[in-house]
Amino acid sequence: MSATVRDIMTARVVAVREDARFKEMAAMLCSSRISAFPVVDHEGRVIGVVSEADLLANQADQDGPQGWLDGVLRRQEHEKAAGGTAGELMTAHR
């Protein structure tokens, strides 16, 4: 049997504003039991997505330079990982 998006998605959307801070986002992911959420602007329009992977990269970056981290993250990803807000961490449509 093939799973569909409907089978694995949550019906209640949890979103954050672009100025949401790291700790707020991490707490929301845990309490909501989700792995990503949309980032919305001040008018409620979706402008990007922040995932657990984005938060993990941020935390690893904050822990200091790691040989494996520098090898895995490219320059742009490394700069993104240094962000502290949803707007800085999110993946946006280009």
PDB file of N, CA and C in Angstrom:
ATOM      1  N   MET A   1       0.839  -1.181   0.000  1.00  0.00           N
ATOM      2  CA  MET A   1       0.000   0.000   0.000  1.00  0.00           C
ATOM      3  C   MET A   1       0.887   1.248   0.000  1.00  0.00           C
ATOM      4  N   SER A   2       0.592   2.197  -0.858  1.00  0.00           N
ATOM      5  CA  SER A   2       1.354   3.438  -0.942  1.00  0.00           C
ATOM      6  C   SER A   2       0.740   4.499  -0.052  1.00  0.00           C
ATOM      7  N   ALA A   3       1.590   5.169   0.725  1.00  0.00           N
ATOM      8  CA  ALA A   3       1.123   6.266   1.564  1.00  0.00           C
ATOM      9  C   ALA A   3       0.999   7.520   0.710  1.00  0.00           C
ATOM     10  N   THR A   4       0.009   8.322   1.005  1.00  0.00           N
ATOM     11  CA  THR A   4      -0.162   9.594   0.319  1.00  0.00           C
ATOM     12  C   THR A   4       0.202  10.713   1.291  1.00  0.00           C
ATOM     13  N   VAL A   5       0.329  11.914   0.783  1.00  0.00           N
ATOM     14  CA  VAL A   5       0.605  13.067   1.630  1.00  0.00           C
ATOM     15  C   VAL A   5      -0.459  13.179   2.710  1.00  0.00           C
ATOM     16  N   ARG A   6      -1.695  12.945   2.350  1.00  0.00           N
ATOM     17  CA  ARG A   6      -2.798  13.028   3.304  1.00  0.00           C
ATOM     18  C   ARG A   6      -2.611  12.057   4.474  1.00  0.00           C
ATOM     19  N   ASP A   7      -2.000  10.914   4.207  1.00  0.00           N
ATOM     20  CA  ASP A   7      -1.785   9.911   5.241  1.00  0.00           C
ATOM     21  C   ASP A   7      -0.761  10.340   6.289  1.00  0.00           C
ATOM     22  N   ILE A   8       0.181  11.185   5.916  1.00  0.00           N
ATOM     23  CA  ILE A   8       1.255  11.537   6.848  1.00  0.00           C
ATOM     24  C   ILE A   8       1.234  12.989   7.320  1.00  0.00           C
ATOM     25  N   MET A   9       0.423  13.819   6.706  1.00  0.00           N
ATOM     26  CA  MET A   9       0.407  15.234   7.086  1.00  0.00           C
ATOM     27  C   MET A   9      -0.442  15.473   8.328  1.00  0.00           C
ATOM     28  N   THR A  10      -0.195  16.580   8.962  1.00  0.00           N
ATOM     29  CA  THR A  10      -1.021  17.010  10.077  1.00  0.00           C
ATOM     30  C   THR A  10      -2.090  17.952   9.541  1.00  0.00           C
ATOM     31  N   ALA A  11      -3.281  17.856  10.096  1.00  0.00           N
ATOM     32  CA  ALA A  11      -4.381  18.698   9.609  1.00  0.00           C
ATOM     33  C   ALA A  11      -4.302  20.112  10.185  1.00  0.00           C
ATOM     34  N   ARG A  12      -3.717  20.253  11.357  1.00  0.00           N
ATOM     35  CA  ARG A  12      -3.610  21.569  12.004  1.00  0.00           C
ATOM     36  C   ARG A  12      -2.263  22.191  11.635  1.00  0.00           C
ATOM     37  N   VAL A  13      -2.292  23.280  10.901  1.00  0.00           N
ATOM     38  CA  VAL A  13      -1.065  23.937  10.458  1.00  0.00           C
ATOM     39  C   VAL A  13      -0.486  24.775  11.589  1.00  0.00           C
ATOM     40  N   VAL A  14       0.791  24.582  11.841  1.00  0.00           N
ATOM     41  CA  VAL A  14       1.528  25.362  12.825  1.00  0.00           C
ATOM     42  C   VAL A  14       2.534  26.188  12.047  1.00  0.00           C
ATOM     43  N   ALA A  15       2.421  27.495  12.127  1.00  0.00           N
ATOM     44  CA  ALA A  15       3.307  28.393  11.385  1.00  0.00           C
ATOM     45  C   ALA A  15       3.994  29.343  12.351  1.00  0.00           C
ATOM     46  N   VAL A  16       5.096  29.922  11.902  1.00  0.00           N
ATOM     47  CA  VAL A  16       5.805  30.935  12.685  1.00  0.00           C
ATOM     48  C   VAL A  16       6.014  32.175  11.831  1.00  0.00           C
ATOM     49  N   ARG A  17       6.138  33.294  12.490  1.00  0.00           N
ATOM     50  CA  ARG A  17       6.460  34.536  11.785  1.00  0.00           C
ATOM     51  C   ARG A  17       7.955  34.558  11.495  1.00  0.00           C
ATOM     52  N   GLU A  18       8.346  35.360  10.534  1.00  0.00           N
ATOM     53  CA  GLU A  18       9.736  35.401  10.106  1.00  0.00           C
ATOM     54  C   GLU A  18      10.692  35.891  11.187  1.00  0.00           C
ATOM     55  N   ASP A  19      10.189  36.563  12.228  1.00  0.00           N
ATOM     56  CA  ASP A  19      11.060  37.041  13.305  1.00  0.00           C
ATOM     57  C   ASP A  19      11.097  36.094  14.508  1.00  0.00           C
ATOM     58  N   ALA A  20      10.485  34.904  14.397  1.00  0.00           N
ATOM     59  CA  ALA A  20      10.511  33.920  15.482  1.00  0.00           C
ATOM     60  C   ALA A  20      11.960  33.513  15.755  1.00  0.00           C
ATOM     61  N   ARG A  21      12.313  33.397  17.026  1.00  0.00           N
ATOM     62  CA  ARG A  21      13.671  33.052  17.435  1.00  0.00           C
ATOM     63  C   ARG A  21      13.861  31.537  17.515  1.00  0.00           C
ATOM     64  N   PHE A  22      15.104  31.103  17.527  1.00  0.00           N
ATOM     65  CA  PHE A  22      15.467  29.691  17.528  1.00  0.00           C
ATOM     66  C   PHE A  22      14.764  28.900  18.638  1.00  0.00           C
ATOM     67  N   LYS A  23      14.859  29.366  19.877  1.00  0.00           N
ATOM     68  CA  LYS A  23      14.276  28.628  21.005  1.00  0.00           C
ATOM     69  C   LYS A  23      12.767  28.487  20.861  1.00  0.00           C
ATOM     70  N   GLU A  24      12.115  29.514  20.389  1.00  0.00           N
ATOM     71  CA  GLU A  24      10.665  29.466  20.166  1.00  0.00           C
ATOM     72  C   GLU A  24      10.323  28.402  19.122  1.00  0.00           C
ATOM     73  N   MET A  25      11.094  28.376  18.036  1.00  0.00           N
ATOM     74  CA  MET A  25      10.824  27.396  16.976  1.00  0.00           C
ATOM     75  C   MET A  25      11.085  25.977  17.460  1.00  0.00           C
ATOM     76  N   ALA A  26      12.184  25.775  18.183  1.00  0.00           N
ATOM     77  CA  ALA A  26      12.507  24.442  18.689  1.00  0.00           C
ATOM     78  C   ALA A  26      11.408  23.953  19.631  1.00  0.00           C
ATOM     79  N   ALA A  27      10.923  24.819  20.499  1.00  0.00           N
ATOM     80  CA  ALA A  27       9.853  24.441  21.427  1.00  0.00           C
ATOM     81  C   ALA A  27       8.572  24.097  20.671  1.00  0.00           C
ATOM     82  N   MET A  28       8.261  24.864  19.638  1.00  0.00           N
ATOM     83  CA  MET A  28       7.049  24.603  18.864  1.00  0.00           C
ATOM     84  C   MET A  28       7.129  23.268  18.127  1.00  0.00           C
ATOM     85  N   LEU A  29       8.308  22.940  17.589  1.00  0.00           N
ATOM     86  CA  LEU A  29       8.464  21.653  16.904  1.00  0.00           C
ATOM     87  C   LEU A  29       8.227  20.504  17.874  1.00  0.00           C
ATOM     88  N   CYS A  30       8.786  20.619  19.070  1.00  0.00           N
ATOM     89  CA  CYS A  30       8.619  19.556  20.070  1.00  0.00           C
ATOM     90  C   CYS A  30       7.177  19.449  20.546  1.00  0.00           C
ATOM     91  N   SER A  31       6.596  20.562  20.913  1.00  0.00           N
ATOM     92  CA  SER A  31       5.245  20.527  21.474  1.00  0.00           C
ATOM     93  C   SER A  31       4.185  20.143  20.446  1.00  0.00           C
ATOM     94  N   SER A  32       4.432  20.467  19.196  1.00  0.00           N
ATOM     95  CA  SER A  32       3.459  20.165  18.138  1.00  0.00           C
ATOM     96  C   SER A  32       3.707  18.804  17.491  1.00  0.00           C
ATOM     97  N   ARG A  33       4.853  18.199  17.800  1.00  0.00           N
ATOM     98  CA  ARG A  33       5.234  16.900  17.238  1.00  0.00           C
ATOM     99  C   ARG A  33       5.223  16.915  15.704  1.00  0.00           C
ATOM    100  N   ILE A  34       5.884  17.953  15.176  1.00  0.00           N
ATOM    101  CA  ILE A  34       6.018  18.103  13.724  1.00  0.00           C
ATOM    102  C   ILE A  34       7.502  18.228  13.397  1.00  0.00           C
ATOM    103  N   SER A  35       7.841  18.144  12.121  1.00  0.00           N
ATOM    104  CA  SER A  35       9.251  18.232  11.747  1.00  0.00           C
ATOM    105  C   SER A  35       9.579  19.477  10.924  1.00  0.00           C
ATOM    106  N   ALA A  36       8.571  20.266  10.599  1.00  0.00           N
ATOM    107  CA  ALA A  36       8.790  21.506   9.846  1.00  0.00           C
ATOM    108  C   ALA A  36       7.534  22.357   9.920  1.00  0.00           C
ATOM    109  N   PHE A  37       7.699  23.636   9.654  1.00  0.00           N
ATOM    110  CA  PHE A  37       6.527  24.503   9.578  1.00  0.00           C
ATOM    111  C   PHE A  37       6.768  25.641   8.605  1.00  0.00           C
ATOM    112  N   PRO A  38       5.657  26.189   8.080  1.00  0.00           N
ATOM    113  CA  PRO A  38       5.787  27.342   7.184  1.00  0.00           C
ATOM    114  C   PRO A  38       6.155  28.597   7.971  1.00  0.00           C
ATOM    115  N   VAL A  39       6.859  29.478   7.298  1.00  0.00           N
ATOM    116  CA  VAL A  39       7.197  30.792   7.847  1.00  0.00           C
ATOM    117  C   VAL A  39       6.320  31.791   7.120  1.00  0.00           C
ATOM    118  N   VAL A  40       5.639  32.660   7.887  1.00  0.00           N
ATOM    119  CA  VAL A  40       4.735  33.633   7.286  1.00  0.00           C
ATOM    120  C   VAL A  40       5.208  35.051   7.565  1.00  0.00           C
ATOM    121  N   ASP A  41       4.868  35.955   6.642  1.00  0.00           N
ATOM    122  CA  ASP A  41       5.218  37.367   6.833  1.00  0.00           C
ATOM    123  C   ASP A  41       4.146  38.029   7.694  1.00  0.00           C
ATOM    124  N   HIS A  42       4.244  39.348   7.863  1.00  0.00           N
ATOM    125  CA  HIS A  42       3.310  40.076   8.730  1.00  0.00           C
ATOM    126  C   HIS A  42       1.875  40.064   8.209  1.00  0.00           C
ATOM    127  N   GLU A  43       1.678  39.679   6.951  1.00  0.00           N
ATOM    128  CA  GLU A  43       0.329  39.589   6.393  1.00  0.00           C
ATOM    129  C   GLU A  43      -0.186  38.158   6.344  1.00  0.00           C
ATOM    130  N   GLY A  44       0.593  37.218   6.900  1.00  0.00           N
ATOM    131  CA  GLY A  44       0.173  35.828   6.935  1.00  0.00           C
ATOM    132  C   GLY A  44       0.454  35.035   5.673  1.00  0.00           C
ATOM    133  N   ARG A  45       1.233  35.607   4.752  1.00  0.00           N
ATOM    134  CA  ARG A  45       1.592  34.896   3.516  1.00  0.00           C
ATOM    135  C   ARG A  45       2.800  34.006   3.769  1.00  0.00           C
ATOM    136  N   VAL A  46       2.761  32.789   3.235  1.00  0.00           N
ATOM    137  CA  VAL A  46       3.882  31.860   3.377  1.00  0.00           C
ATOM    138  C   VAL A  46       5.056  32.361   2.551  1.00  0.00           C
ATOM    139  N   ILE A  47       6.209  32.481   3.215  1.00  0.00           N
ATOM    140  CA  ILE A  47       7.412  32.967   2.534  1.00  0.00           C
ATOM    141  C   ILE A  47       8.551  31.949   2.579  1.00  0.00           C
ATOM    142  N   GLY A  48       8.360  30.857   3.319  1.00  0.00           N
ATOM    143  CA  GLY A  48       9.410  29.845   3.410  1.00  0.00           C
ATOM    144  C   GLY A  48       9.014  28.728   4.349  1.00  0.00           C
ATOM    145  N   VAL A  49       9.978  27.856   4.616  1.00  0.00           N
ATOM    146  CA  VAL A  49       9.774  26.710   5.490  1.00  0.00           C
ATOM    147  C   VAL A  49      11.014  26.531   6.363  1.00  0.00           C
ATOM    148  N   VAL A  50      10.802  26.260   7.654  1.00  0.00           N
ATOM    149  CA  VAL A  50      11.889  25.914   8.566  1.00  0.00           C
ATOM    150  C   VAL A  50      11.668  24.474   8.994  1.00  0.00           C
ATOM    151  N   SER A  51      12.735  23.671   8.918  1.00  0.00           N
ATOM    152  CA  SER A  51      12.648  22.260   9.280  1.00  0.00           C
ATOM    153  C   SER A  51      13.552  21.949  10.459  1.00  0.00           C
ATOM    154  N   GLU A  52      13.377  20.740  10.992  1.00  0.00           N
ATOM    155  CA  GLU A  52      14.281  20.269  12.051  1.00  0.00           C
ATOM    156  C   GLU A  52      15.722  20.322  11.572  1.00  0.00           C
ATOM    157  N   ALA A  53      15.945  19.960  10.326  1.00  0.00           N
ATOM    158  CA  ALA A  53      17.309  19.974   9.779  1.00  0.00           C
ATOM    159  C   ALA A  53      17.911  21.375   9.826  1.00  0.00           C
ATOM    160  N   ASP A  54      17.099  22.400   9.553  1.00  0.00           N
ATOM    161  CA  ASP A  54      17.588  23.782   9.627  1.00  0.00           C
ATOM    162  C   ASP A  54      18.003  24.131  11.056  1.00  0.00           C
ATOM    163  N   LEU A  55      17.194  23.695  12.030  1.00  0.00           N
ATOM    164  CA  LEU A  55      17.496  23.992  13.431  1.00  0.00           C
ATOM    165  C   LEU A  55      18.717  23.201  13.901  1.00  0.00           C
ATOM    166  N   LEU A  56      18.850  21.951  13.462  1.00  0.00           N
ATOM    167  CA  LEU A  56      20.021  21.154  13.837  1.00  0.00           C
ATOM    168  C   LEU A  56      21.298  21.753  13.273  1.00  0.00           C
ATOM    169  N   ALA A  57      21.254  22.203  12.030  1.00  0.00           N
ATOM    170  CA  ALA A  57      22.427  22.834  11.417  1.00  0.00           C
ATOM    171  C   ALA A  57      22.800  24.093  12.178  1.00  0.00           C
ATOM    172  N   ASN A  58      21.798  24.848  12.605  1.00  0.00           N
ATOM    173  CA  ASN A  58      22.031  26.059  13.382  1.00  0.00           C
ATOM    174  C   ASN A  58      22.711  25.719  14.693  1.00  0.00           C
ATOM    175  N   GLN A  59      22.207  24.722  15.387  1.00  0.00           N
ATOM    176  CA  GLN A  59      22.776  24.346  16.679  1.00  0.00           C
ATOM    177  C   GLN A  59      24.198  23.836  16.526  1.00  0.00           C
ATOM    178  N   ALA A  60      24.438  23.026  15.514  1.00  0.00           N
ATOM    179  CA  ALA A  60      25.792  22.522  15.264  1.00  0.00           C
ATOM    180  C   ALA A  60      26.731  23.679  14.972  1.00  0.00           C
ATOM    181  N   ASP A  61      26.269  24.669  14.222  1.00  0.00           N
ATOM    182  CA  ASP A  61      27.086  25.827  13.889  1.00  0.00           C
ATOM    183  C   ASP A  61      27.395  26.636  15.139  1.00  0.00           C
ATOM    184  N   GLN A  62      26.424  26.759  16.041  1.00  0.00           N
ATOM    185  CA  GLN A  62      26.610  27.523  17.269  1.00  0.00           C
ATOM    186  C   GLN A  62      27.574  26.834  18.226  1.00  0.00           C
ATOM    187  N   ASP A  63      27.688  25.512  18.116  1.00  0.00           N
ATOM    188  CA  ASP A  63      28.591  24.762  18.989  1.00  0.00           C
ATOM    189  C   ASP A  63      30.052  24.947  18.606  1.00  0.00           C
ATOM    190  N   GLY A  64      30.298  25.629  17.508  1.00  0.00           N
ATOM    191  CA  GLY A  64      31.668  25.916  17.105  1.00  0.00           C
ATOM    192  C   GLY A  64      32.066  25.141  15.870  1.00  0.00           C
ATOM    193  N   PRO A  65      33.172  25.527  15.271  1.00  0.00           N
ATOM    194  CA  PRO A  65      33.612  24.857  14.048  1.00  0.00           C
ATOM    195  C   PRO A  65      33.906  23.385  14.303  1.00  0.00           C
ATOM    196  N   GLN A  66      33.369  22.557  13.456  1.00  0.00           N
ATOM    197  CA  GLN A  66      33.572  21.114  13.530  1.00  0.00           C
ATOM    198  C   GLN A  66      34.104  20.682  12.182  1.00  0.00           C
ATOM    199  N   GLY A  67      35.066  19.813  12.162  1.00  0.00           N
ATOM    200  CA  GLY A  67      35.616  19.336  10.905  1.00  0.00           C
ATOM    201  C   GLY A  67      34.544  18.764  10.003  1.00  0.00           C
ATOM    202  N   TRP A  68      33.673  17.936  10.562  1.00  0.00           N
ATOM    203  CA  TRP A  68      32.626  17.321   9.746  1.00  0.00           C
ATOM    204  C   TRP A  68      31.618  18.352   9.274  1.00  0.00           C
ATOM    205  N   LEU A  69      31.333  19.350  10.104  1.00  0.00           N
ATOM    206  CA  LEU A  69      30.360  20.366   9.725  1.00  0.00           C
ATOM    207  C   LEU A  69      30.881  21.194   8.556  1.00  0.00           C
ATOM    208  N   ASP A  70      32.127  21.605   8.653  1.00  0.00           N
ATOM    209  CA  ASP A  70      32.704  22.416   7.582  1.00  0.00           C
ATOM    210  C   ASP A  70      32.740  21.645   6.271  1.00  0.00           C
ATOM    211  N   GLY A  71      32.965  20.333   6.353  1.00  0.00           N
ATOM    212  CA  GLY A  71      32.994  19.522   5.149  1.00  0.00           C
ATOM    213  C   GLY A  71      31.623  19.305   4.555  1.00  0.00           C
ATOM    214  N   VAL A  72      30.597  19.234   5.407  1.00  0.00           N
ATOM    215  CA  VAL A  72      29.245  18.926   4.953  1.00  0.00           C
ATOM    216  C   VAL A  72      28.511  20.179   4.472  1.00  0.00           C
ATOM    217  N   LEU A  73      28.658  21.240   5.205  1.00  0.00           N
ATOM    218  CA  LEU A  73      27.932  22.465   4.853  1.00  0.00           C
ATOM    219  C   LEU A  73      28.734  23.309   3.878  1.00  0.00           C
ATOM    220  N   ARG A  74      28.125  23.666   2.786  1.00  0.00           N
ATOM    221  CA  ARG A  74      28.757  24.600   1.859  1.00  0.00           C
ATOM    222  C   ARG A  74      28.671  26.006   2.443  1.00  0.00           C
ATOM    223  N   ARG A  75      29.361  26.934   1.845  1.00  0.00           N
ATOM    224  CA  ARG A  75      29.394  28.310   2.371  1.00  0.00           C
ATOM    225  C   ARG A  75      28.000  28.890   2.581  1.00  0.00           C
ATOM    226  N   GLN A  76      27.131  28.806   1.587  1.00  0.00           N
ATOM    227  CA  GLN A  76      25.787  29.365   1.702  1.00  0.00           C
ATOM    228  C   GLN A  76      25.003  28.687   2.819  1.00  0.00           C
ATOM    229  N   GLU A  77      25.106  27.360   2.912  1.00  0.00           N
ATOM    230  CA  GLU A  77      24.407  26.636   3.966  1.00  0.00           C
ATOM    231  C   GLU A  77      24.976  26.998   5.328  1.00  0.00           C
ATOM    232  N   HIS A  78      26.294  27.213   5.406  1.00  0.00           N
ATOM    233  CA  HIS A  78      26.939  27.587   6.657  1.00  0.00           C
ATOM    234  C   HIS A  78      26.434  28.960   7.121  1.00  0.00           C
ATOM    235  N   GLU A  79      26.309  29.903   6.185  1.00  0.00           N
ATOM    236  CA  GLU A  79      25.790  31.229   6.510  1.00  0.00           C
ATOM    237  C   GLU A  79      24.339  31.144   6.970  1.00  0.00           C
ATOM    238  N   LYS A  80      23.546  30.329   6.289  1.00  0.00           N
ATOM    239  CA  LYS A  80      22.148  30.143   6.673  1.00  0.00           C
ATOM    240  C   LYS A  80      22.062  29.534   8.069  1.00  0.00           C
ATOM    241  N   ALA A  81      22.915  28.550   8.357  1.00  0.00           N
ATOM    242  CA  ALA A  81      22.894  27.872   9.648  1.00  0.00           C
ATOM    243  C   ALA A  81      23.210  28.816  10.795  1.00  0.00           C
ATOM    244  N   ALA A  82      23.921  29.897  10.523  1.00  0.00           N
ATOM    245  CA  ALA A  82      24.277  30.855  11.562  1.00  0.00           C
ATOM    246  C   ALA A  82      23.098  31.754  11.942  1.00  0.00           C
ATOM    247  N   GLY A  83      22.013  31.705  11.204  1.00  0.00           N
ATOM    248  CA  GLY A  83      20.851  32.552  11.467  1.00  0.00           C
ATOM    249  C   GLY A  83      20.190  32.243  12.787  1.00  0.00           C
ATOM    250  N   GLY A  84      19.528  33.242  13.329  1.00  0.00           N
ATOM    251  CA  GLY A  84      18.852  33.061  14.610  1.00  0.00           C
ATOM    252  C   GLY A  84      17.348  33.214  14.540  1.00  0.00           C
ATOM    253  N   THR A  85      16.825  33.645  13.399  1.00  0.00           N
ATOM    254  CA  THR A  85      15.379  33.820  13.256  1.00  0.00           C
ATOM    255  C   THR A  85      14.863  32.912  12.143  1.00  0.00           C
ATOM    256  N   ALA A  86      13.558  32.725  12.123  1.00  0.00           N
ATOM    257  CA  ALA A  86      12.954  31.910  11.087  1.00  0.00           C
ATOM    258  C   ALA A  86      13.281  32.462   9.709  1.00  0.00           C
ATOM    259  N   GLY A  87      13.244  33.773   9.549  1.00  0.00           N
ATOM    260  CA  GLY A  87      13.542  34.394   8.264  1.00  0.00           C
ATOM    261  C   GLY A  87      14.960  34.124   7.797  1.00  0.00           C
ATOM    262  N   GLU A  88      15.899  33.979   8.730  1.00  0.00           N
ATOM    263  CA  GLU A  88      17.295  33.707   8.389  1.00  0.00           C
ATOM    264  C   GLU A  88      17.547  32.218   8.140  1.00  0.00           C
ATOM    265  N   LEU A  89      16.794  31.365   8.843  1.00  0.00           N
ATOM    266  CA  LEU A  89      16.992  29.917   8.748  1.00  0.00           C
ATOM    267  C   LEU A  89      16.183  29.241   7.660  1.00  0.00           C
ATOM    268  N   MET A  90      15.101  29.859   7.257  1.00  0.00           N
ATOM    269  CA  MET A  90      14.143  29.203   6.354  1.00  0.00           C
ATOM    270  C   MET A  90      14.703  28.945   4.973  1.00  0.00           C
ATOM    271  N   THR A  91      14.070  27.972   4.327  1.00  0.00           N
ATOM    272  CA  THR A  91      14.296  27.728   2.926  1.00  0.00           C
ATOM    273  C   THR A  91      13.172  28.446   2.192  1.00  0.00           C
ATOM    274  N   ALA A  92      13.518  29.308   1.273  1.00  0.00           N
ATOM    275  CA  ALA A  92      12.517  30.095   0.538  1.00  0.00           C
ATOM    276  C   ALA A  92      12.528  29.715  -0.934  1.00  0.00           C
ATOM    277  N   HIS A  93      11.414  29.912  -1.577  1.00  0.00           N
ATOM    278  CA  HIS A  93      11.336  29.685  -3.012  1.00  0.00           C
ATOM    279  C   HIS A  93      12.225  30.715  -3.701  1.00  0.00           C
ATOM    280  N   ARG A  94      13.007  30.275  -4.646  1.00  0.00           N
ATOM    281  CA  ARG A  94      13.932  31.205  -5.328  1.00  0.00           C
ATOM    282  C   ARG A  94      13.488  31.466  -6.709  1.00  0.00           C
TER     283      ARG A  94
END
